[in-house]
């Protein structure tokens, strides 16, 4: 699978592509066009965000962090966060299941 070919970015909403979903883990690719927002939400399990392409502003606990290609960030469970694309961006979310 080539993520850039499978992930269809649109102006309407963030693009989401499930790459793996097993009993032990889940891997999701998310694509955002410039200025697109993945609105405030929480995850019930910790996740690792891995930037593949672009630049995002990751907002969590009143802090905003820029993340660039190849950066990573550990997202804690049950904490509200939001993502804004500062350029066209693609990132992975990796979640381990209990």
N, C-alpha and C. Protein backbone atom coordinates (compact mmCIF):
# COMPACT_ATOMS: atom_id res chain seq x y z
N UNK A 1 0.85 -1.19 0.00
CA UNK A 1 0.00 0.00 0.00
C UNK A 1 0.88 1.24 0.00
N UNK A 2 0.52 2.20 -0.80
CA UNK A 2 1.20 3.49 -0.81
C UNK A 2 0.21 4.51 -0.22
N UNK A 3 0.52 4.99 0.97
CA UNK A 3 -0.40 5.86 1.72
C UNK A 3 -0.80 7.08 0.91
N UNK A 4 0.15 7.71 0.23
CA UNK A 4 -0.16 8.94 -0.51
C UNK A 4 -1.13 8.70 -1.67
N UNK A 5 -1.20 7.48 -2.16
CA UNK A 5 -2.16 7.16 -3.22
C UNK A 5 -3.52 6.75 -2.67
N UNK A 6 -3.54 6.12 -1.51
CA UNK A 6 -4.78 5.63 -0.92
C UNK A 6 -5.54 6.71 -0.14
N UNK A 7 -4.82 7.65 0.45
CA UNK A 7 -5.42 8.68 1.29
C UNK A 7 -5.93 9.81 0.41
N UNK A 8 -7.23 9.98 0.34
CA UNK A 8 -7.85 10.97 -0.54
C UNK A 8 -8.17 12.26 0.23
N UNK A 9 -7.31 13.27 0.10
CA UNK A 9 -7.53 14.54 0.79
C UNK A 9 -8.62 15.34 0.09
N UNK A 10 -9.56 15.88 0.90
CA UNK A 10 -10.64 16.72 0.37
C UNK A 10 -10.76 17.97 1.22
N UNK A 11 -11.47 18.96 0.71
CA UNK A 11 -11.71 20.19 1.46
C UNK A 11 -12.78 19.99 2.53
N UNK A 12 -13.60 18.96 2.40
CA UNK A 12 -14.75 18.79 3.29
C UNK A 12 -14.41 18.31 4.68
N UNK A 13 -13.47 17.33 4.80
CA UNK A 13 -13.16 16.78 6.10
C UNK A 13 -11.79 16.11 6.06
N UNK A 14 -11.19 15.86 7.23
CA UNK A 14 -9.91 15.15 7.25
C UNK A 14 -10.04 13.78 6.58
N UNK A 15 -8.98 13.37 5.91
CA UNK A 15 -8.95 12.06 5.26
C UNK A 15 -8.42 11.03 6.26
N UNK A 16 -9.09 9.89 6.34
CA UNK A 16 -8.70 8.85 7.29
C UNK A 16 -8.58 7.52 6.54
N UNK A 17 -7.45 6.84 6.78
CA UNK A 17 -7.19 5.55 6.13
C UNK A 17 -6.73 4.56 7.19
N UNK A 18 -7.49 3.51 7.39
CA UNK A 18 -7.08 2.49 8.34
C UNK A 18 -6.04 1.60 7.67
N UNK A 19 -4.87 1.51 8.27
CA UNK A 19 -3.79 0.71 7.71
C UNK A 19 -3.75 -0.67 8.35
N UNK A 20 -3.96 -0.72 9.67
CA UNK A 20 -3.95 -2.00 10.38
C UNK A 20 -4.92 -1.93 11.54
N UNK A 21 -5.64 -3.02 11.77
CA UNK A 21 -6.52 -3.11 12.92
C UNK A 21 -6.54 -4.57 13.37
N UNK A 22 -5.78 -4.86 14.43
CA UNK A 22 -5.69 -6.22 14.94
C UNK A 22 -6.13 -6.24 16.40
N UNK A 23 -6.05 -7.40 17.01
CA UNK A 23 -6.38 -7.52 18.43
C UNK A 23 -5.44 -6.71 19.31
N UNK A 24 -4.22 -6.48 18.82
CA UNK A 24 -3.19 -5.83 19.64
C UNK A 24 -2.94 -4.36 19.31
N UNK A 25 -3.19 -3.96 18.07
CA UNK A 25 -2.87 -2.58 17.70
C UNK A 25 -3.74 -2.06 16.56
N UNK A 26 -3.70 -0.75 16.42
CA UNK A 26 -4.42 -0.08 15.34
C UNK A 26 -3.50 1.01 14.79
N UNK A 27 -3.40 1.08 13.47
CA UNK A 27 -2.60 2.11 12.80
C UNK A 27 -3.50 2.82 11.81
N UNK A 28 -3.57 4.14 11.94
CA UNK A 28 -4.43 4.96 11.10
C UNK A 28 -3.59 6.08 10.48
N UNK A 29 -3.77 6.33 9.19
CA UNK A 29 -3.17 7.48 8.53
C UNK A 29 -4.22 8.57 8.44
N UNK A 30 -3.83 9.79 8.74
CA UNK A 30 -4.73 10.94 8.65
C UNK A 30 -4.08 12.00 7.78
N UNK A 31 -4.85 12.54 6.85
CA UNK A 31 -4.37 13.59 5.96
C UNK A 31 -5.21 14.83 6.11
N UNK A 32 -4.53 15.97 6.14
CA UNK A 32 -5.21 17.26 6.26
C UNK A 32 -4.68 18.21 5.19
N UNK A 33 -5.58 18.93 4.56
CA UNK A 33 -5.16 20.01 3.68
C UNK A 33 -4.76 21.21 4.54
N UNK A 34 -4.00 22.12 3.96
CA UNK A 34 -3.57 23.31 4.70
C UNK A 34 -4.77 24.03 5.31
N UNK A 35 -4.65 24.41 6.58
CA UNK A 35 -5.67 25.10 7.38
C UNK A 35 -6.84 24.21 7.80
N UNK A 36 -6.82 22.95 7.44
CA UNK A 36 -7.89 22.05 7.86
C UNK A 36 -7.66 21.68 9.33
N UNK A 37 -8.77 21.44 10.05
CA UNK A 37 -8.70 21.18 11.49
C UNK A 37 -9.32 19.82 11.82
N UNK A 38 -8.60 19.07 12.64
CA UNK A 38 -9.15 17.88 13.26
C UNK A 38 -9.61 18.36 14.63
N UNK A 39 -10.92 18.61 14.74
CA UNK A 39 -11.48 19.30 15.90
C UNK A 39 -11.21 18.59 17.21
N UNK A 40 -11.36 19.34 18.29
CA UNK A 40 -11.07 18.83 19.63
C UNK A 40 -11.74 17.49 19.88
N UNK A 41 -10.94 16.55 20.40
CA UNK A 41 -11.41 15.21 20.69
C UNK A 41 -10.48 14.56 21.71
N UNK A 42 -10.86 13.37 22.17
CA UNK A 42 -10.00 12.61 23.08
C UNK A 42 -9.84 11.20 22.53
N UNK A 43 -8.81 10.52 22.99
CA UNK A 43 -8.62 9.11 22.69
C UNK A 43 -8.69 8.35 24.00
N UNK A 44 -9.36 7.22 23.98
CA UNK A 44 -9.52 6.44 25.21
C UNK A 44 -8.27 5.62 25.55
N UNK A 45 -7.38 5.48 24.58
CA UNK A 45 -6.11 4.79 24.82
C UNK A 45 -4.96 5.69 24.36
N UNK A 46 -3.80 5.57 24.99
CA UNK A 46 -2.65 6.38 24.53
C UNK A 46 -2.35 6.08 23.06
N UNK A 47 -1.81 7.08 22.36
CA UNK A 47 -1.48 6.91 20.95
C UNK A 47 -0.15 7.60 20.66
N UNK A 48 0.53 7.08 19.66
CA UNK A 48 1.75 7.71 19.18
C UNK A 48 1.43 8.36 17.84
N UNK A 49 1.66 9.67 17.73
CA UNK A 49 1.49 10.39 16.47
C UNK A 49 2.86 10.45 15.81
N UNK A 50 2.93 10.04 14.54
CA UNK A 50 4.17 10.07 13.77
C UNK A 50 3.93 10.89 12.51
N UNK A 51 4.60 12.02 12.41
CA UNK A 51 4.45 12.89 11.23
C UNK A 51 5.20 12.28 10.05
N UNK A 52 4.50 12.17 8.92
CA UNK A 52 5.12 11.69 7.70
C UNK A 52 5.45 12.84 6.76
N UNK A 53 4.55 13.82 6.71
CA UNK A 53 4.69 14.90 5.73
C UNK A 53 4.00 16.14 6.27
N UNK A 54 4.59 17.30 6.05
CA UNK A 54 3.93 18.56 6.34
C UNK A 54 4.27 19.17 7.68
N UNK A 55 3.33 19.98 8.19
CA UNK A 55 3.51 20.69 9.45
C UNK A 55 2.13 20.90 10.07
N UNK A 56 2.02 20.54 11.35
CA UNK A 56 0.76 20.74 12.07
C UNK A 56 1.00 21.52 13.35
N UNK A 57 -0.06 22.12 13.85
CA UNK A 57 -0.06 22.70 15.19
C UNK A 57 -0.88 21.74 16.04
N UNK A 58 -0.23 21.13 17.03
CA UNK A 58 -0.89 20.16 17.91
C UNK A 58 -1.18 20.87 19.22
N UNK A 59 -2.48 21.00 19.54
CA UNK A 59 -2.90 21.72 20.75
C UNK A 59 -3.36 20.73 21.80
N UNK A 60 -2.75 20.82 23.00
CA UNK A 60 -3.10 19.94 24.11
C UNK A 60 -2.78 20.67 25.41
N UNK A 61 -3.70 20.60 26.36
CA UNK A 61 -3.49 21.22 27.68
C UNK A 61 -3.03 22.68 27.58
N UNK A 62 -3.72 23.47 26.78
CA UNK A 62 -3.43 24.90 26.65
C UNK A 62 -2.10 25.20 25.96
N UNK A 63 -1.39 24.19 25.49
CA UNK A 63 -0.13 24.39 24.78
C UNK A 63 -0.31 24.04 23.31
N UNK A 64 0.41 24.75 22.44
CA UNK A 64 0.39 24.47 21.02
C UNK A 64 1.81 24.17 20.57
N UNK A 65 1.98 22.99 19.98
CA UNK A 65 3.31 22.57 19.54
C UNK A 65 3.32 22.36 18.04
N UNK A 66 4.30 22.95 17.35
CA UNK A 66 4.43 22.63 15.92
C UNK A 66 5.11 21.28 15.78
N UNK A 67 4.58 20.45 14.90
CA UNK A 67 5.20 19.16 14.59
C UNK A 67 5.45 19.12 13.09
N UNK A 68 6.67 18.70 12.73
CA UNK A 68 7.10 18.66 11.34
C UNK A 68 7.32 17.22 10.90
N UNK A 69 7.57 17.03 9.62
CA UNK A 69 7.84 15.70 9.08
C UNK A 69 8.86 14.97 9.94
N UNK A 70 8.55 13.72 10.27
CA UNK A 70 9.38 12.80 11.04
C UNK A 70 9.39 13.08 12.54
N UNK A 71 8.65 14.08 13.01
CA UNK A 71 8.49 14.28 14.46
C UNK A 71 7.50 13.26 15.00
N UNK A 72 7.61 12.99 16.31
CA UNK A 72 6.65 12.11 16.98
C UNK A 72 6.13 12.80 18.23
N UNK A 73 4.96 12.35 18.69
CA UNK A 73 4.38 12.88 19.92
C UNK A 73 3.52 11.81 20.57
N UNK A 74 3.73 11.58 21.86
CA UNK A 74 2.91 10.64 22.61
C UNK A 74 1.65 11.34 23.09
N UNK A 75 0.50 10.89 22.63
CA UNK A 75 -0.78 11.47 23.03
C UNK A 75 -1.33 10.67 24.20
N UNK A 76 -1.52 11.32 25.34
CA UNK A 76 -2.07 10.58 26.49
C UNK A 76 -3.57 10.30 26.31
N UNK A 77 -4.04 9.29 27.02
CA UNK A 77 -5.46 8.95 26.99
C UNK A 77 -6.26 9.99 27.75
N UNK A 78 -7.50 10.20 27.30
CA UNK A 78 -8.48 11.03 28.00
C UNK A 78 -8.07 12.48 28.21
N UNK A 79 -7.31 13.03 27.27
CA UNK A 79 -6.93 14.43 27.30
C UNK A 79 -7.38 15.07 25.98
N UNK A 80 -8.12 16.15 26.06
CA UNK A 80 -8.62 16.83 24.86
C UNK A 80 -7.45 17.41 24.06
N UNK A 81 -7.50 17.19 22.76
CA UNK A 81 -6.47 17.75 21.88
C UNK A 81 -7.09 18.08 20.51
N UNK A 82 -6.37 18.91 19.76
CA UNK A 82 -6.84 19.36 18.44
C UNK A 82 -5.63 19.50 17.52
N UNK A 83 -5.85 19.27 16.23
CA UNK A 83 -4.77 19.37 15.25
C UNK A 83 -5.20 20.33 14.14
N UNK A 84 -4.31 21.27 13.81
CA UNK A 84 -4.53 22.19 12.69
C UNK A 84 -3.36 22.05 11.72
N UNK A 85 -3.67 21.85 10.45
CA UNK A 85 -2.62 21.72 9.44
C UNK A 85 -2.10 23.10 9.06
N UNK A 86 -0.80 23.30 9.21
CA UNK A 86 -0.17 24.55 8.79
C UNK A 86 0.34 24.44 7.35
N UNK A 87 0.35 23.23 6.84
CA UNK A 87 0.65 22.89 5.45
C UNK A 87 -0.04 21.56 5.19
N UNK A 88 -0.16 21.16 3.94
CA UNK A 88 -0.74 19.85 3.68
C UNK A 88 0.06 18.81 4.45
N UNK A 89 -0.62 17.96 5.20
CA UNK A 89 0.07 17.07 6.13
C UNK A 89 -0.52 15.66 6.13
N UNK A 90 0.36 14.70 6.41
CA UNK A 90 -0.05 13.31 6.62
C UNK A 90 0.68 12.80 7.85
N UNK A 91 -0.07 12.16 8.75
CA UNK A 91 0.55 11.58 9.93
C UNK A 91 -0.12 10.26 10.27
N UNK A 92 0.61 9.45 11.05
CA UNK A 92 0.09 8.18 11.51
C UNK A 92 -0.29 8.29 12.98
N UNK A 93 -1.34 7.57 13.36
CA UNK A 93 -1.68 7.35 14.75
C UNK A 93 -1.53 5.86 15.03
N UNK A 94 -0.74 5.54 16.03
CA UNK A 94 -0.50 4.15 16.39
C UNK A 94 -1.01 3.94 17.79
N UNK A 95 -1.97 3.02 17.93
CA UNK A 95 -2.59 2.75 19.22
C UNK A 95 -2.40 1.28 19.57
N UNK A 96 -1.97 1.02 20.79
CA UNK A 96 -1.91 -0.35 21.29
C UNK A 96 -3.21 -0.62 22.04
N UNK A 97 -3.78 -1.79 21.79
CA UNK A 97 -5.02 -2.16 22.46
C UNK A 97 -4.72 -2.95 23.73
N UNK A 98 -5.57 -2.78 24.71
CA UNK A 98 -5.37 -3.48 25.99
C UNK A 98 -5.71 -4.94 25.88
